[in-house]
C-alpha atoms as a PDB file:
ATOM      1  CA  MET A   1       8.830  99.525 152.951  1.00  0.00           C
ATOM      2  CA  ASP A   2      12.857  99.670 152.749  1.00  0.00           C
ATOM      3  CA  ASN A   3      14.808 102.350 150.905  1.00  0.00           C
ATOM      4  CA  VAL A   4      16.690 100.042 148.975  1.00  0.00           C
ATOM      5  CA  GLN A   5      16.558 100.245 145.597  1.00  0.00           C
ATOM      6  CA  TYR A   6      16.427  97.065 143.498  1.00  0.00           C
ATOM      7  CA  TRP A   7      18.844  96.585 139.755  1.00  0.00           C
ATOM      8  CA  ALA A   8      18.396  93.902 136.955  1.00  0.00           C
ATOM      9  CA  ILE A   9      20.917  93.707 134.322  1.00  0.00           C
ATOM     10  CA  ALA A  10      21.009  91.891 131.365  1.00  0.00           C
ATOM     11  CA  THR A  11      23.727  89.406 130.254  1.00  0.00           C
ATOM     12  CA  THR A  12      24.383  86.437 127.867  1.00  0.00           C
ATOM     13  CA  GLY A  13      21.009  86.968 126.868  1.00  0.00           C
ATOM     14  CA  GLU A  14      19.177  86.374 130.199  1.00  0.00           C
ATOM     15  CA  ARG A  15      17.905  88.832 133.026  1.00  0.00           C
ATOM     16  CA  LEU A  16      18.859  88.891 136.083  1.00  0.00           C
ATOM     17  CA  GLY A  17      17.410  90.374 139.217  1.00  0.00           C
ATOM     18  CA  PRO A  18      16.209  92.108 141.597  1.00  0.00           C
ATOM     19  CA  MET A  19      19.285  92.520 143.006  1.00  0.00           C
ATOM     20  CA  THR A  20      21.020  95.538 145.267  1.00  0.00           C
ATOM     21  CA  LEU A  21      23.452  97.664 143.662  1.00  0.00           C
ATOM     22  CA  GLU A  22      26.734  95.854 145.487  1.00  0.00           C
ATOM     23  CA  ARG A  23      25.233  93.089 143.888  1.00  0.00           C
ATOM     24  CA  LEU A  24      25.322  94.641 140.621  1.00  0.00           C
ATOM     25  CA  VAL A  25      28.759  96.286 140.545  1.00  0.00           C
ATOM     26  CA  SER A  26      30.310  92.637 142.001  1.00  0.00           C
ATOM     27  CA  LEU A  27      28.702  91.304 138.413  1.00  0.00           C
ATOM     28  CA  ARG A  28      31.131  93.691 136.801  1.00  0.00           C
ATOM     29  CA  PRO A  29      29.004  95.132 133.957  1.00  0.00           C
ATOM     30  CA  ARG A  30      30.509  96.935 130.940  1.00  0.00           C
ATOM     31  CA  PRO A  31      29.850 100.427 130.390  1.00  0.00           C
ATOM     32  CA  GLU A  32      27.323  98.915 127.649  1.00  0.00           C
ATOM     33  CA  THR A  33      25.544  96.690 129.114  1.00  0.00           C
ATOM     34  CA  PRO A  34      21.331  97.036 129.869  1.00  0.00           C
ATOM     35  CA  ILE A  35      20.762  97.987 133.184  1.00  0.00           C
ATOM     36  CA  TRP A  36      17.488  98.599 134.959  1.00  0.00           C
ATOM     37  CA  ARG A  37      15.846  99.915 138.180  1.00  0.00           C
ATOM     38  CA  GLN A  38      12.757 101.747 139.398  1.00  0.00           C
ATOM     39  CA  GLY A  39      12.528 105.210 137.772  1.00  0.00           C
ATOM     40  CA  LEU A  40      14.286 104.183 134.619  1.00  0.00           C
ATOM     41  CA  ALA A  41      12.184 104.527 131.590  1.00  0.00           C
ATOM     42  CA  ASP A  42      13.575 101.762 129.631  1.00  0.00           C
ATOM     43  CA  TRP A  43      16.738  99.446 129.663  1.00  0.00           C
ATOM     44  CA  THR A  44      19.704 101.976 129.494  1.00  0.00           C
ATOM     45  CA  ALA A  45      23.464 101.431 128.893  1.00  0.00           C
ATOM     46  CA  ALA A  46      25.318 101.104 132.287  1.00  0.00           C
ATOM     47  CA  GLY A  47      27.700 103.918 131.198  1.00  0.00           C
ATOM     48  CA  GLU A  48      24.705 106.134 131.274  1.00  0.00           C
ATOM     49  CA  VAL A  49      23.097 105.477 134.326  1.00  0.00           C
ATOM     50  CA  GLU A  50      24.338 108.184 137.271  1.00  0.00           C
ATOM     51  CA  GLU A  51      24.831 105.905 140.233  1.00  0.00           C
ATOM     52  CA  LEU A  52      27.629 103.506 138.116  1.00  0.00           C
ATOM     53  CA  ARG A  53      29.552 106.130 136.062  1.00  0.00           C
ATOM     54  CA  GLU A  54      32.011 106.216 138.539  1.00  0.00           C
ATOM     55  CA  PHE A  55      32.377 102.383 138.118  1.00  0.00           C
ATOM     56  CA  PHE A  56      33.329 102.969 134.685  1.00  0.00           C
ATOM     57  CA  ALA A  57      35.600 106.417 134.603  1.00  0.00           C
ATOM     58  CA  PRO A  58      39.127 106.011 133.898  1.00  0.00           C
ATOM     59  CA  PRO A  59      41.438 105.150 136.738  1.00  0.00           C
ATOM     60  CA  ALA A  60      43.362 108.406 138.755  1.00  0.00           C
ATOM     61  CA  PRO A  61      46.894 108.630 137.458  1.00  0.00           C
ATOM     62  CA  LEU A  62      49.064 107.340 140.240  1.00  0.00           C
ATOM     63  CA  CYS A  63      51.225 110.644 139.608  1.00  0.00           C
ATOM     64  CA  PRO A  64      49.361 113.498 139.382  1.00  0.00           C
ATOM     65  CA  ALA A  65      50.367 115.935 136.419  1.00  0.00           C
ATOM     66  CA  PRO A  66      52.677 119.130 137.595  1.00  0.00           C
ATOM     67  CA  PRO A  67      51.562 122.287 137.658  1.00  0.00           C
ATOM     68  CA  ALA A  68      51.287 124.332 134.544  1.00  0.00           C
ATOM     69  CA  ALA A  69      54.272 126.727 135.426  1.00  0.00           C
ATOM     70  CA  ALA A  70      56.069 123.796 136.318  1.00  0.00           C
ATOM     71  CA  SER A  71      55.616 121.835 132.935  1.00  0.00           C
ATOM     72  CA  SER A  72      57.637 124.939 130.926  1.00  0.00           C
ATOM     73  CA  TYR A  73      60.957 123.430 132.640  1.00  0.00           C
ATOM     74  CA  THR A  74      63.223 121.159 130.503  1.00  0.00           C
ATOM     75  CA  ALA A  75      65.822 119.050 131.668  1.00  0.00           C
ATOM     76  CA  PRO A  76      69.552 120.182 130.714  1.00  0.00           C
ATOM     77  CA  ALA A  77      70.351 117.803 127.955  1.00  0.00           C
ATOM     78  CA  PRO A  78      73.180 114.839 129.608  1.00  0.00           C
ATOM     79  CA  GLN A  79      76.426 115.119 128.791  1.00  0.00           C
ATOM     80  CA  ARG A  80      79.206 112.475 127.569  1.00  0.00           C
ATOM     81  CA  MET A  81      82.184 111.619 129.271  1.00  0.00           C
ATOM     82  CA  PRO A  82      84.969 110.637 126.873  1.00  0.00           C
ATOM     83  CA  TYR A  83      86.102 107.140 127.114  1.00  0.00           C
ATOM     84  CA  ASN A  84      89.060 108.291 128.974  1.00  0.00           C
ATOM     85  CA  TYR A  85      87.262 110.117 131.238  1.00  0.00           C
ATOM     86  CA  GLN A  86      89.315 110.110 134.777  1.00  0.00           C
ATOM     87  CA  SER A  87      87.327 110.319 137.574  1.00  0.00           C
ATOM     88  CA  ALA A  88      88.996 111.661 141.206  1.00  0.00           C
ATOM     89  CA  ASP A  89      87.868 108.204 143.269  1.00  0.00           C
ATOM     90  CA  ASN A  90      88.671 106.248 140.106  1.00  0.00           C
ATOM     91  CA  GLN A  91      91.880 106.781 138.627  1.00  0.00           C
ATOM     92  CA  GLN A  92      92.433 104.344 135.843  1.00  0.00           C
ATOM     93  CA  PRO A  93      96.187 104.037 134.622  1.00  0.00           C
ATOM     94  CA  PRO A  94      96.829 105.559 130.882  1.00  0.00           C
ATOM     95  CA  MET A  95      95.857 103.237 127.680  1.00  0.00           C
ATOM     96  CA  PRO A  96      99.065 101.202 126.602  1.00  0.00           C
ATOM     97  CA  PRO A  97     100.046 102.026 122.584  1.00  0.00           C
ATOM     98  CA  THR A  98      98.146 100.441 120.129  1.00  0.00           C
ATOM     99  CA  TYR A  99     100.630 100.499 117.402  1.00  0.00           C
ATOM    100  CA  LEU A 100      97.739 100.352 114.847  1.00  0.00           C
ATOM    101  CA  ALA A 101      99.477 102.683 112.326  1.00  0.00           C
ATOM    102  CA  TRP A 102     102.803 100.401 112.438  1.00  0.00           C
ATOM    103  CA  SER A 103     100.683  97.393 111.987  1.00  0.00           C
ATOM    104  CA  ILE A 104      98.946  98.547 108.945  1.00  0.00           C
ATOM    105  CA  VAL A 105     102.263  99.875 107.200  1.00  0.00           C
ATOM    106  CA  ALA A 106     104.875  97.155 108.364  1.00  0.00           C
ATOM    107  CA  MET A 107     101.515  94.761 107.035  1.00  0.00           C
ATOM    108  CA  LEU A 108     101.844  96.265 103.700  1.00  0.00           C
ATOM    109  CA  VAL A 109     105.108  96.567 103.357  1.00  0.00           C
ATOM    110  CA  CYS A 110     107.130  94.145 104.842  1.00  0.00           C
ATOM    111  CA  CYS A 111     105.219  91.090 105.361  1.00  0.00           C
ATOM    112  CA  VAL A 112     101.554  90.576 104.845  1.00  0.00           C
ATOM    113  CA  VAL A 113     100.857  87.212 107.039  1.00  0.00           C
ATOM    114  CA  THR A 114     102.827  88.332 110.330  1.00  0.00           C
ATOM    115  CA  GLY A 115     101.686  91.852 109.663  1.00  0.00           C
ATOM    116  CA  ILE A 116      97.940  91.059 109.989  1.00  0.00           C
ATOM    117  CA  VAL A 117      98.926  89.268 113.531  1.00  0.00           C
ATOM    118  CA  ALA A 118     100.105  92.473 114.325  1.00  0.00           C
ATOM    119  CA  LEU A 119      97.228  94.323 113.164  1.00  0.00           C
ATOM    120  CA  ILE A 120      94.725  91.992 115.330  1.00  0.00           C
ATOM    121  CA  TYR A 121      96.419  92.087 118.358  1.00  0.00           C
ATOM    122  CA  SER A 122      96.556  96.143 118.110  1.00  0.00           C
ATOM    123  CA  THR A 123      92.977  96.446 117.854  1.00  0.00           C
ATOM    124  CA  LYS A 124      92.645  94.364 121.097  1.00  0.00           C
ATOM    125  CA  VAL A 125      94.373  96.787 122.680  1.00  0.00           C
ATOM    126  CA  SER A 126      91.865  99.861 122.948  1.00  0.00           C
ATOM    127  CA  SER A 127      88.713  97.432 123.122  1.00  0.00           C
ATOM    128  CA  ARG A 128      89.993  95.931 126.259  1.00  0.00           C
ATOM    129  CA  TYR A 129      91.169  99.241 127.570  1.00  0.00           C
ATOM    130  CA  TYR A 130      88.003 101.137 127.618  1.00  0.00           C
ATOM    131  CA  ALA A 131      85.912  97.671 129.017  1.00  0.00           C
ATOM    132  CA  GLY A 132      88.478  98.191 132.050  1.00  0.00           C
ATOM    133  CA  ASP A 133      90.454  94.611 131.437  1.00  0.00           C
ATOM    134  CA  TYR A 134      93.800  97.026 131.705  1.00  0.00           C
ATOM    135  CA  GLU A 135      96.086  93.713 132.203  1.00  0.00           C
ATOM    136  CA  GLY A 136      94.790  92.360 129.127  1.00  0.00           C
ATOM    137  CA  ALA A 137      95.136  95.804 127.251  1.00  0.00           C
ATOM    138  CA  ARG A 138      98.823  95.786 128.009  1.00  0.00           C
ATOM    139  CA  LYS A 139      99.588  92.063 127.285  1.00  0.00           C
ATOM    140  CA  ALA A 140      97.936  93.067 123.694  1.00  0.00           C
ATOM    141  CA  SER A 141      99.922  95.791 123.274  1.00  0.00           C
ATOM    142  CA  GLU A 142     103.149  93.681 124.394  1.00  0.00           C
ATOM    143  CA  ASN A 143     101.778  91.307 121.609  1.00  0.00           C
ATOM    144  CA  THR A 144     101.578  93.722 118.942  1.00  0.00           C
ATOM    145  CA  ALA A 145     104.708  94.916 119.473  1.00  0.00           C
ATOM    146  CA  ILE A 146     106.226  91.132 119.192  1.00  0.00           C
ATOM    147  CA  TRP A 147     104.720  90.763 116.065  1.00  0.00           C
ATOM    148  CA  LEU A 148     105.229  93.953 114.796  1.00  0.00           C
ATOM    149  CA  ALA A 149     108.946  93.236 115.475  1.00  0.00           C
ATOM    150  CA  VAL A 150     108.884  89.852 113.662  1.00  0.00           C
ATOM    151  CA  THR A 151     106.883  91.328 109.968  1.00  0.00           C
ATOM    152  CA  ILE A 152     109.875  94.053 110.330  1.00  0.00           C
ATOM    153  CA  VAL A 153     112.535  91.028 110.884  1.00  0.00           C
ATOM    154  CA  CYS A 154     110.386  89.224 107.893  1.00  0.00           C
ATOM    155  CA  GLY A 155     110.525  92.055 105.670  1.00  0.00           C
ATOM    156  CA  LEU A 156     113.901  92.555 105.794  1.00  0.00           C
ATOM    157  CA  ILE A 157     115.055  89.042 105.207  1.00  0.00           C
ATOM    158  CA  ALA A 158     112.728  89.056 102.033  1.00  0.00           C
ATOM    159  CA  ILE A 159     114.168  91.738 100.752  1.00  0.00           C
ATOM    160  CA  PRO A 160     117.377  90.585  99.294  1.00  0.00           C
ATOM    161  CA  PHE A 161     115.875  87.515  97.958  1.00  0.00           C
ATOM    162  CA  GLN A 162     113.004  89.659  96.322  1.00  0.00           C
ATOM    163  CA  VAL A 163     115.867  91.626  94.725  1.00  0.00           C
ATOM    164  CA  VAL A 164     117.431  88.698  93.663  1.00  0.00           C
ATOM    165  CA  LEU A 165     114.906  86.925  92.162  1.00  0.00           C
ATOM    166  CA  SER A 166     113.770  90.627  90.291  1.00  0.00           C
ATOM    167  CA  MET A 167     116.878  90.235  88.153  1.00  0.00           C
ATOM    168  CA  LEU A 168     116.815  86.902  87.056  1.00  0.00           C
END
């Protein structure tokens, strides 16, 4: 007489068995699937059978939990560096002037149309500089200076005409 224990399983309304424990496990029963073997009084849920509990245990974590003493450690908060931070190995050139305030004043006082163009170029200076496009920032700064000069000249030309027209 052999000592192999035979199992039976009830799935989808039919009973399968007798079978070995290895065959039963290969069918991948759920914890609530009815199982029977010799020694059990009646059909029992697979999760309640001692020999099968290890198959339904949650998987072990890939990383073990740290010991209790180590869990009290808190990492320091990361520090943000300002945009103009210069590391020793990556020297960046200084940011060219934006002329933003001058563009706004010239737009309001002298000439609105050319002042808007100067204002647009002045906003491109810092965004290109912080993106790492130093040459683009330099060109935007030069274009801002040119359009700022055009705005002031247009305003100086327009002022005498405005004075004459206001007298009429």
